[in-house]
Structures are given as structure tokens and as C-alpha cells.
Amino acid sequence: MFEKMNEIKVFRDPIHSYVKVEYKIIWDCINAREFQRLRRIRQLGGAFIVYHTAEHSRFSHSLGVYEIVRQLVCENREIYKALSEYERLTVMLAGLLHDLGHGPYSHSFEAVTGVSHEEITGRILLEDSEIHRILAAASPTLAKDVASVIDKTHPNKILSQMVSGQLDADRMDYLLRDAYFSGATYGEFDMARILRTLLIRDGKLTVKESGIHAVEDYIMARYHMYWQVYYHPVARSYEAILHAMFRRYRDLLESGHPSIFEPIDSFMLNQKISLEAHYQLDESACNYGMGLFVQSDDAILSDLASRLVNRNLFGYKNVNSVDDVGLMQQKVEDAHLDVRYYLLQDTASQKPYMPYHKSTENFVYVLCSDGEVRELSKCSTIVSALLNAEDKKDDKMYYPKELD
């Protein structure tokens, strides 16, 4: 039904060795302008400021997610037989295109603007874009079906589970890729074993009992990567200052200050974002804008931007009580600094085994040796302990180091 190329195209990849592309529509989407833009968006937000080799992009991650999905639907015999060619291609495209809507600095920028990358991804797929035209030329329903896999409304729940569930291609790739490029080994696990032991039972993606140990390692890898890499306090300091800088710029615009960097003004002012404006706004553009902020006549904006550019980040302390914050607030005020921008608080929390949206359909299920399908915590004492453990939380405040 769908055109295949004369030869299989490959990308060399440090995580998957090769990323293989057989369908022309996949190749065309990779070469589309909206997908190529992902080369200019870092994968790890503020973590690159701590792990100096973590400069990898959303482009490489998206290719990796596609490759894991491709292996699942093309090389796992049982899953291959359970899906039609149209479904296989739909879910491969969903894996490839799931991050199209990401803005600069990973999740940090959308926290400031309130514009979610999921919303923009859906618009790129369904509105007038090069990606949409490629999908529509292949099938009039394909763009809508790909979008529905990504936003979890597709009638075949298996497809969404492959891209964004508990044992999903998105998590598997970013854990392995982020561990590799950060130099941390916490994110390593036996992905090949997990993919080999996955099957479909009762309308759910299910792992054979023989794959439990690999799944346990995967869950623990995720837990350790969050606390050692994603929630690193210095990375959070960078992101806290980034938030403060953009908030300061928004406050200036709202008070009538002349525009300093027009490409982000519509994002700052909660205006309707055009897909072209989103396409133009990548990290290269934002880094140029940050340079303009350094030269601003507003002392606060200039200082915050300079701290990011020159890595003069805020210090941090644990917040154990309201009094801790009150004492630091007094120090900030005594230094004649604005507490709105120079005393920042952040809470990180994470549970290693918790499904998206807390929906039971996204728990991990195991096909036990007696033929019964059970939720993972019923088969693993390690996961049972994790599921019933209290959430780990880390409350911190960030402030200029010179106040210590």
C-alpha cells in the first residue's frame, strides 16, 4: 500500500547502531523542514550546563524513538502479525514525529510560555505544514491517525502504549541516549531483552515473565537518571534563571518597554502562535536573543541573561521550613535585589514506577508462567516496594551565590 524505497536508508547511531528507513514517507518526513528543525533543539534542557557532552538534539532522539518502534512492529513477530501495515506505519510515524512541537531549552521554555509541545505537535500534523502535506499525500486520514496515537485517543491503545506508556519507545531511547551523552551509566538497561519479550495480551502491551529482570533494571535506570541527571541542582539553577529571565522580559513588554527580541514576543504575551513563528524559534535564535538581553538597558534582564551566557549561576540550599525562605528573602532585600527574580524556589519529585496520567491501562503487565496476565508489582517484589514507597521530593531555593 505504501511506497518503499529501492534500498533501505540508514543512519549511524551510537545507541541503536543503525536507524533503518524503508518507507519513502518516513524518509520524506525526516527531510521535512519541521523535522530538520529538531537538529537545533537540545534534548536535555539545562542539563547540558552540567554534563558538557550532553549536546545531543531532539532530532537524534526522535530518530531513536522511531527505530525502537520499528523494531517492535517489524522484528517482533507477534506484534508484527497483530497489526496491519497501515497501523505499523502509523505508529512508526508517531514515534518519529512525537516531539515536533518542542521549543527551545526542552521543557523549560514551555513552562514559561504555557504553550505545550503536545499542542504544537498536533497543529503541525493537522494544519498546513510540510509534514502535513507529506502525510495527506499518502492517505487522507494518516495525519489525524498519527496525531491520535500521540495524544492517546487512537482506538487501538497498543499503538499509543508503544510510543508513550510505561514500557515505551520514548523513555527507552531518552534514558539510553541521555546516559550515553552525559557520561552517566545510571540509564543503562537491556533494551534488546525487553523488546524481545514484549507481546500483546488482552489488548495491552505485555512482557513475558522472563523479561521481568530487564524491566526492573529499566525502572531503576529511570529513577537514577532523574535524580542524578535531570534533577541535578545545578541544571535546575540554570533553568530557574532561564524562567526568571523570560518572566522579566515579559514583565517589561507588558509595562510598555520596547521589544528587544521580536521573535519571542508573541510567546511571551500569550498571543496566538503561528506555526511559522514556532518554526523560526530554535535555540540558535534564542541564544542570539539572550545576547541582546545582555546588552539591555534593564539591569535585571541584563544580569540574568549574563549569568546564563557566562554560567554564573545561582547558589542553592535545601528548603526545610518557611523560615529558611524568609531568612534568605531578607538577605535578598538587604542587597537591594528584587525577590521576584533573585529568590527562586523549585520542587522536584519523582516516583520510579508511575504511569502517565495515573491510568491503570499504562501500568506494565506480565504474562506469567501459569498463563495469567498480572500487573508488574504483583510479580516483582522490587517494583512492589517502589510502587508503595513515598514520593521522593527535593525542595530547593536559588539565589545569587554572593549572598552566602
Protein backbone atom coordinates (compact mmCIF):
# COMPACT_ATOMS: atom_id res chain seq x y z
CA MET A 1 0.00 0.00 0.00
CA PHE A 2 2.78 2.44 0.92
CA GLU A 3 5.76 3.03 -1.33
CA LYS A 4 9.09 1.56 -0.30
CA MET A 5 12.45 2.84 -1.46
CA ASN A 6 14.78 0.91 -3.73
CA GLU A 7 17.20 0.42 -0.87
CA ILE A 8 16.99 0.73 2.89
CA LYS A 9 18.44 4.02 4.09
CA VAL A 10 20.40 4.01 7.37
CA PHE A 11 21.62 6.49 9.95
CA ARG A 12 24.61 5.52 12.08
CA ASP A 13 23.60 5.85 15.71
CA PRO A 14 25.61 5.30 18.92
CA ILE A 15 22.61 3.80 20.74
CA HIS A 16 20.98 1.61 18.08
CA SER A 17 23.97 1.11 15.73
CA TYR A 18 21.71 1.75 12.74
CA VAL A 19 18.40 3.53 12.31
CA LYS A 20 16.77 1.89 9.29
CA VAL A 21 14.31 3.58 6.94
CA GLU A 22 12.45 1.52 4.33
CA TYR A 23 9.30 3.54 3.61
CA LYS A 24 9.56 6.62 1.42
CA ILE A 25 7.06 8.54 3.56
CA ILE A 26 9.31 8.10 6.61
CA TRP A 27 12.28 9.38 4.61
CA ASP A 28 10.29 12.35 3.34
CA CYS A 29 9.16 13.28 6.86
CA ILE A 30 12.75 13.14 8.13
CA ASN A 31 13.76 15.56 5.39
CA ALA A 32 10.85 17.94 6.02
CA ARG A 33 11.70 21.37 7.41
CA GLU A 34 9.76 20.89 10.65
CA PHE A 35 11.66 17.72 11.45
CA GLN A 36 15.05 19.15 10.45
CA ARG A 37 14.37 21.99 12.90
CA LEU A 38 14.79 19.46 15.72
CA ARG A 39 18.53 19.45 14.99
CA ARG A 40 18.50 22.93 16.50
CA ILE A 41 16.75 21.95 19.75
CA ARG A 42 18.79 20.31 22.52
CA GLN A 43 17.36 17.21 24.13
CA LEU A 44 18.35 17.86 27.73
CA GLY A 45 17.32 21.41 28.63
CA GLY A 46 19.60 22.75 31.36
CA ALA A 47 21.49 19.51 31.97
CA PHE A 48 23.99 20.36 29.24
CA ILE A 49 25.36 23.06 31.56
CA VAL A 50 26.45 20.28 33.97
CA TYR A 51 27.24 17.41 31.59
CA HIS A 52 29.38 19.08 28.96
CA THR A 53 28.95 16.37 26.28
CA ALA A 54 25.15 16.32 26.58
CA GLU A 55 24.72 18.42 23.44
CA HIS A 56 22.54 15.92 21.59
CA SER A 57 19.34 17.03 19.88
CA ARG A 58 15.65 16.25 19.69
CA PHE A 59 16.42 15.16 16.11
CA SER A 60 18.62 12.26 17.19
CA HIS A 61 16.21 11.29 19.97
CA SER A 62 13.25 11.28 17.58
CA LEU A 63 15.12 9.05 15.16
CA GLY A 64 15.89 6.74 18.08
CA VAL A 65 12.26 6.52 19.17
CA TYR A 66 11.27 5.71 15.59
CA GLU A 67 13.90 2.95 15.45
CA ILE A 68 12.68 1.30 18.66
CA VAL A 69 9.09 1.38 17.39
CA ARG A 70 10.27 -0.01 14.04
CA GLN A 71 11.99 -2.90 15.78
CA LEU A 72 8.84 -3.60 17.80
CA VAL A 73 6.41 -3.64 14.88
CA CYS A 74 8.68 -5.14 12.22
CA GLU A 75 11.01 -7.51 14.08
CA ASN A 76 8.83 -8.75 16.94
CA ARG A 77 6.89 -11.45 15.10
CA GLU A 78 3.84 -11.48 17.35
CA ILE A 79 3.37 -7.70 17.27
CA TYR A 80 4.00 -7.63 13.52
CA LYS A 81 1.18 -10.12 12.94
CA ALA A 82 -1.21 -8.27 15.26
CA LEU A 83 -1.05 -5.03 13.26
CA SER A 84 -1.89 -4.07 9.71
CA GLU A 85 0.66 -2.32 7.51
CA TYR A 86 -1.28 0.91 7.95
CA GLU A 87 -1.13 0.58 11.77
CA ARG A 88 2.57 -0.26 11.69
CA LEU A 89 3.33 2.78 9.58
CA THR A 90 1.07 5.00 11.70
CA VAL A 91 2.85 4.11 14.93
CA MET A 92 6.30 4.41 13.36
CA LEU A 93 5.38 7.91 12.20
CA ALA A 94 4.03 8.74 15.66
CA GLY A 95 7.35 7.70 17.21
CA LEU A 96 9.27 9.76 14.67
CA LEU A 97 7.13 12.89 14.93
CA HIS A 98 6.09 12.94 18.60
CA ASP A 99 8.45 15.81 19.53
CA LEU A 100 7.86 18.12 16.55
CA GLY A 101 6.36 20.82 18.76
CA HIS A 102 9.25 21.22 21.19
CA GLY A 103 10.51 24.73 21.73
CA PRO A 104 13.99 25.84 22.81
CA TYR A 105 15.52 24.54 26.03
CA SER A 106 13.38 21.41 26.13
CA HIS A 107 10.56 21.66 28.70
CA SER A 108 11.87 24.86 30.25
CA PHE A 109 10.57 27.23 27.59
CA GLU A 110 7.04 25.83 27.59
CA ALA A 111 6.88 26.21 31.36
CA VAL A 112 7.40 29.94 30.85
CA THR A 113 5.09 30.42 27.87
CA GLY A 114 2.34 27.99 28.83
CA VAL A 115 2.38 26.65 25.26
CA SER A 116 2.75 22.86 25.39
CA HIS A 117 4.82 21.00 22.84
CA GLU A 118 1.99 18.46 22.51
CA GLU A 119 -0.37 21.18 21.34
CA ILE A 120 2.10 22.47 18.75
CA THR A 121 2.88 18.93 17.60
CA GLY A 122 -0.80 18.35 16.92
CA ARG A 123 -1.05 21.60 14.98
CA ILE A 124 1.97 20.76 12.82
CA LEU A 125 0.42 17.39 11.99
CA LEU A 126 -3.08 18.70 11.28
CA GLU A 127 -2.59 22.23 9.93
CA ASP A 128 -0.80 23.46 6.82
CA SER A 129 2.81 22.30 7.13
CA GLU A 130 5.27 20.35 5.01
CA ILE A 131 4.80 17.35 7.31
CA HIS A 132 1.02 17.52 6.94
CA ARG A 133 1.25 17.66 3.16
CA ILE A 134 3.51 14.60 3.09
CA LEU A 135 1.11 12.60 5.28
CA ALA A 136 -2.01 13.78 3.41
CA ALA A 137 -0.48 12.80 0.05
CA ALA A 138 -0.08 9.24 1.30
CA SER A 139 -3.54 8.91 2.89
CA PRO A 140 -6.27 11.45 3.75
CA THR A 141 -6.62 10.01 7.26
CA LEU A 142 -2.96 9.46 8.10
CA ALA A 143 -2.18 12.82 9.74
CA LYS A 144 -5.22 12.54 12.01
CA ASP A 145 -4.37 8.94 12.93
CA VAL A 146 -0.73 9.79 13.74
CA ALA A 147 -1.89 12.69 15.91
CA SER A 148 -4.35 10.43 17.73
CA VAL A 149 -1.60 7.95 18.60
CA ILE A 150 0.46 10.78 20.09
CA ASP A 151 -2.43 12.29 22.09
CA LYS A 152 -3.66 8.84 23.18
CA THR A 153 -7.07 8.97 21.52
CA HIS A 154 -6.44 6.30 18.87
CA PRO A 155 -8.89 3.39 19.18
CA ASN A 156 -6.03 0.86 19.15
CA LYS A 157 -4.47 1.61 22.54
CA ILE A 158 -1.49 -0.63 21.75
CA LEU A 159 -0.14 1.98 19.35
CA SER A 160 -0.10 4.74 21.96
CA GLN A 161 1.40 2.40 24.55
CA MET A 162 4.38 1.78 22.26
CA VAL A 163 5.13 5.50 21.94
CA SER A 164 4.11 6.80 25.38
CA GLY A 165 3.27 4.30 28.09
CA GLN A 166 5.31 2.57 30.78
CA LEU A 167 7.43 0.38 28.50
CA ASP A 168 7.54 2.90 25.69
CA ALA A 169 10.00 3.76 22.95
CA ASP A 170 10.25 7.40 24.07
CA ARG A 171 11.52 6.57 27.55
CA MET A 172 13.77 3.75 26.39
CA ASP A 173 15.56 5.96 23.90
CA TYR A 174 15.97 9.03 26.08
CA LEU A 175 17.29 7.02 29.03
CA LEU A 176 19.93 5.24 26.96
CA ARG A 177 20.77 8.30 24.85
CA ASP A 178 20.95 10.73 27.77
CA ALA A 179 23.09 8.29 29.76
CA TYR A 180 25.46 7.89 26.82
CA PHE A 181 25.88 11.58 26.08
CA SER A 182 26.01 12.71 29.72
CA GLY A 183 28.64 10.09 30.51
CA ALA A 184 26.46 8.75 33.32
CA THR A 185 25.90 4.99 33.36
CA TYR A 186 22.76 5.12 35.51
CA GLY A 187 20.46 4.93 32.49
CA GLU A 188 21.74 1.69 31.03
CA PHE A 189 19.48 -1.37 30.80
CA ASP A 190 18.95 -4.34 28.49
CA MET A 191 16.59 -2.87 25.91
CA ALA A 192 17.05 -5.74 23.46
CA ARG A 193 15.79 -8.19 26.08
CA ILE A 194 12.71 -6.08 26.79
CA LEU A 195 11.82 -5.74 23.10
CA ARG A 196 12.28 -9.45 22.59
CA THR A 197 9.92 -10.38 25.46
CA LEU A 198 7.09 -7.98 24.59
CA LEU A 199 3.81 -9.29 23.23
CA ILE A 200 0.13 -8.35 23.14
CA ARG A 201 -2.41 -9.83 25.55
CA ASP A 202 -5.90 -8.61 26.43
CA GLY A 203 -5.41 -5.50 24.32
CA LYS A 204 -2.32 -4.47 26.31
CA LEU A 205 1.39 -4.41 25.64
CA THR A 206 2.64 -7.21 27.91
CA VAL A 207 6.06 -8.56 28.86
CA LYS A 208 6.85 -12.23 29.30
CA GLU A 209 7.77 -13.33 32.80
CA SER A 210 11.31 -14.00 31.57
CA GLY A 211 11.72 -10.28 30.89
CA ILE A 212 10.92 -9.09 34.42
CA HIS A 213 14.54 -8.57 35.49
CA ALA A 214 15.26 -6.41 32.44
CA VAL A 215 12.15 -4.35 33.19
CA GLU A 216 13.23 -3.91 36.82
CA ASP A 217 16.59 -2.58 35.62
CA TYR A 218 14.79 -0.21 33.22
CA ILE A 219 12.61 1.19 36.02
CA MET A 220 15.60 1.69 38.32
CA ALA A 221 17.56 3.31 35.47
CA ARG A 222 14.80 5.85 35.07
CA TYR A 223 14.76 6.58 38.81
CA HIS A 224 18.51 7.15 38.98
CA MET A 225 18.67 9.23 35.80
CA TYR A 226 16.08 11.63 37.16
CA TRP A 227 17.91 12.28 40.39
CA GLN A 228 21.46 12.18 39.04
CA VAL A 229 20.97 13.96 35.69
CA TYR A 230 17.55 15.52 35.05
CA TYR A 231 17.12 16.89 38.59
CA HIS A 232 20.76 17.87 39.12
CA PRO A 233 20.61 21.04 41.27
CA VAL A 234 22.97 22.98 39.01
CA ALA A 235 20.84 22.15 35.95
CA ARG A 236 17.80 23.30 37.91
CA SER A 237 19.63 26.53 38.79
CA TYR A 238 20.18 27.21 35.08
CA GLU A 239 16.52 26.56 34.32
CA ALA A 240 15.36 28.68 37.26
CA ILE A 241 17.36 31.67 35.98
CA LEU A 242 16.07 30.98 32.46
CA HIS A 243 12.49 31.17 33.77
CA ALA A 244 13.28 34.37 35.67
CA MET A 245 14.89 35.96 32.60
CA PHE A 246 11.91 35.26 30.36
CA ARG A 247 9.49 36.39 33.07
CA ARG A 248 11.42 39.65 33.39
CA TYR A 249 11.24 40.19 29.64
CA ARG A 250 7.50 39.51 29.67
CA ASP A 251 7.03 41.96 32.55
CA LEU A 252 8.94 44.61 30.58
CA LEU A 253 6.83 44.07 27.47
CA GLU A 254 3.60 44.25 29.46
CA SER A 255 4.75 47.54 31.05
CA GLY A 256 5.35 49.10 27.63
CA HIS A 257 9.09 48.55 27.27
CA PRO A 258 10.19 48.44 23.61
CA SER A 259 10.72 44.99 22.12
CA ILE A 260 14.26 43.66 22.36
CA PHE A 261 13.87 40.36 20.53
CA GLU A 262 10.68 40.33 18.45
CA PRO A 263 10.63 36.60 17.55
CA ILE A 264 9.67 35.63 21.11
CA ASP A 265 7.27 38.49 21.85
CA SER A 266 4.14 36.62 20.80
CA PHE A 267 5.19 33.69 23.03
CA MET A 268 5.78 35.99 25.99
CA LEU A 269 2.46 37.82 25.58
CA ASN A 270 0.31 34.68 25.22
CA GLN A 271 -0.73 35.61 21.70
CA LYS A 272 -1.79 33.13 19.05
CA ILE A 273 1.38 31.40 17.87
CA SER A 274 1.73 30.81 14.15
CA LEU A 275 3.44 27.63 13.01
CA GLU A 276 5.95 29.76 11.10
CA ALA A 277 6.84 31.67 14.29
CA HIS A 278 7.32 28.35 16.07
CA TYR A 279 9.48 27.04 13.21
CA GLN A 280 11.72 30.12 13.33
CA LEU A 281 12.23 29.94 17.10
CA ASP A 282 15.02 27.47 17.80
CA GLU A 283 17.87 27.58 20.30
CA SER A 284 20.21 29.37 17.91
CA ALA A 285 17.68 32.19 17.64
CA CYS A 286 17.07 32.27 21.39
CA ASN A 287 20.80 32.33 22.13
CA TYR A 288 21.10 35.37 19.85
CA GLY A 289 18.19 36.96 21.72
CA MET A 290 19.91 36.23 25.01
CA GLY A 291 22.92 38.15 23.74
CA LEU A 292 20.65 41.11 23.06
CA PHE A 293 19.25 40.82 26.59
CA VAL A 294 22.80 41.07 27.99
CA GLN A 295 23.07 44.48 26.29
CA SER A 296 19.66 45.65 27.56
CA ASP A 297 19.29 48.89 29.47
CA ASP A 298 17.24 46.96 32.06
CA ALA A 299 19.70 45.94 34.77
CA ILE A 300 17.75 42.87 35.90
CA LEU A 301 17.25 41.42 32.42
CA SER A 302 20.88 42.13 31.52
CA ASP A 303 22.18 40.49 34.70
CA LEU A 304 20.04 37.35 34.40
CA ALA A 305 20.98 36.86 30.75
CA SER A 306 24.65 37.45 31.51
CA ARG A 307 24.52 34.80 34.24
CA LEU A 308 23.21 32.26 31.72
CA VAL A 309 25.67 33.20 28.98
CA ASN A 310 28.69 33.12 31.31
CA ARG A 311 27.49 30.29 33.61
CA ASN A 312 27.47 32.48 36.69
CA LEU A 313 24.57 30.54 38.15
CA PHE A 314 22.69 30.93 41.41
CA GLY A 315 23.64 29.03 44.51
CA TYR A 316 21.09 26.80 46.22
CA LYS A 317 20.01 25.45 49.58
CA ASN A 318 17.50 22.89 50.74
CA VAL A 319 14.21 24.30 51.98
CA ASN A 320 13.31 22.62 55.24
CA SER A 321 10.86 25.23 56.54
CA VAL A 322 9.19 28.53 55.69
CA ASP A 323 11.76 30.22 57.95
CA ASP A 324 14.57 29.17 55.57
CA VAL A 325 12.92 31.09 52.75
CA GLY A 326 12.16 34.06 54.99
CA LEU A 327 15.78 34.42 56.09
CA MET A 328 17.04 34.30 52.51
CA GLN A 329 14.35 36.74 51.38
CA GLN A 330 15.67 39.23 53.93
CA LYS A 331 19.20 38.80 52.57
CA VAL A 332 17.99 39.41 49.02
CA GLU A 333 16.10 42.53 50.05
CA ASP A 334 19.06 43.82 52.08
CA ALA A 335 21.16 43.51 48.92
CA HIS A 336 18.57 45.67 47.12
CA LEU A 337 17.63 42.86 44.74
CA ASP A 338 14.10 42.07 43.53
CA VAL A 339 12.96 38.85 45.21
CA ARG A 340 10.73 38.05 42.21
CA TYR A 341 13.84 37.36 40.14
CA TYR A 342 16.57 36.70 42.69
CA LEU A 343 14.94 34.24 45.07
CA LEU A 344 13.56 31.28 43.18
CA GLN A 345 12.06 28.07 44.52
CA ASP A 346 11.78 24.69 42.87
CA THR A 347 10.42 21.33 43.98
CA ALA A 348 11.45 18.11 42.26
CA SER A 349 9.65 14.85 42.92
CA GLN A 350 9.67 11.52 41.21
CA LYS A 351 8.29 8.04 41.62
CA PRO A 352 10.15 5.38 39.65
CA TYR A 353 7.07 3.35 38.73
CA MET A 354 4.11 5.57 37.97
CA PRO A 355 2.15 5.53 34.72
CA TYR A 356 1.36 8.57 32.63
CA HIS A 357 -1.87 10.25 33.77
CA LYS A 358 -2.02 7.73 36.65
CA SER A 359 -4.09 5.49 34.38
CA THR A 360 -4.07 1.79 35.19
CA GLU A 361 -4.08 0.95 31.48
CA ASN A 362 -0.50 2.18 31.36
CA PHE A 363 0.93 0.00 34.08
CA VAL A 364 3.31 -2.76 33.00
CA TYR A 365 1.63 -6.12 32.61
CA VAL A 366 3.30 -9.53 32.78
CA LEU A 367 2.32 -12.82 31.15
CA CYS A 368 3.05 -15.24 33.98
CA SER A 369 4.07 -18.87 33.57
CA ASP A 370 0.57 -20.00 34.60
CA GLY A 371 -0.93 -18.12 31.64
CA GLU A 372 -2.39 -15.27 33.70
CA VAL A 373 -1.70 -11.61 32.94
CA ARG A 374 -0.83 -9.64 36.08
CA GLU A 375 0.31 -6.11 36.82
CA LEU A 376 4.09 -5.96 37.32
CA SER A 377 4.09 -5.16 41.04
CA LYS A 378 2.22 -8.44 41.66
CA CYS A 379 5.16 -10.33 40.11
CA SER A 380 8.14 -8.29 41.30
CA THR A 381 8.97 -7.59 44.94
CA ILE A 382 11.28 -4.76 43.81
CA VAL A 383 8.57 -2.98 41.85
CA SER A 384 6.00 -3.63 44.60
CA ALA A 385 8.25 -1.83 47.06
CA LEU A 386 8.75 1.06 44.64
CA LEU A 387 5.04 1.41 43.92
CA ASN A 388 4.16 1.63 47.59
CA ALA A 389 7.02 3.91 48.57
CA GLU A 390 6.50 7.58 49.31
CA ASP A 391 7.41 10.03 46.58
CA LYS A 392 10.90 11.41 46.94
CA LYS A 393 10.85 15.22 46.98
CA ASP A 394 13.59 17.80 46.87
CA ASP A 395 12.69 21.42 47.75
CA LYS A 396 15.35 23.98 46.92
CA MET A 397 15.71 27.74 46.77
CA TYR A 398 18.06 29.50 44.37
CA TYR A 399 19.70 32.88 44.93
CA PRO A 400 22.91 34.77 43.97
CA LYS A 401 25.95 32.98 45.40
CA GLU A 402 27.39 36.24 46.67
CA LEU A 403 24.66 36.27 49.34
CA ASP A 404 26.12 33.24 51.08
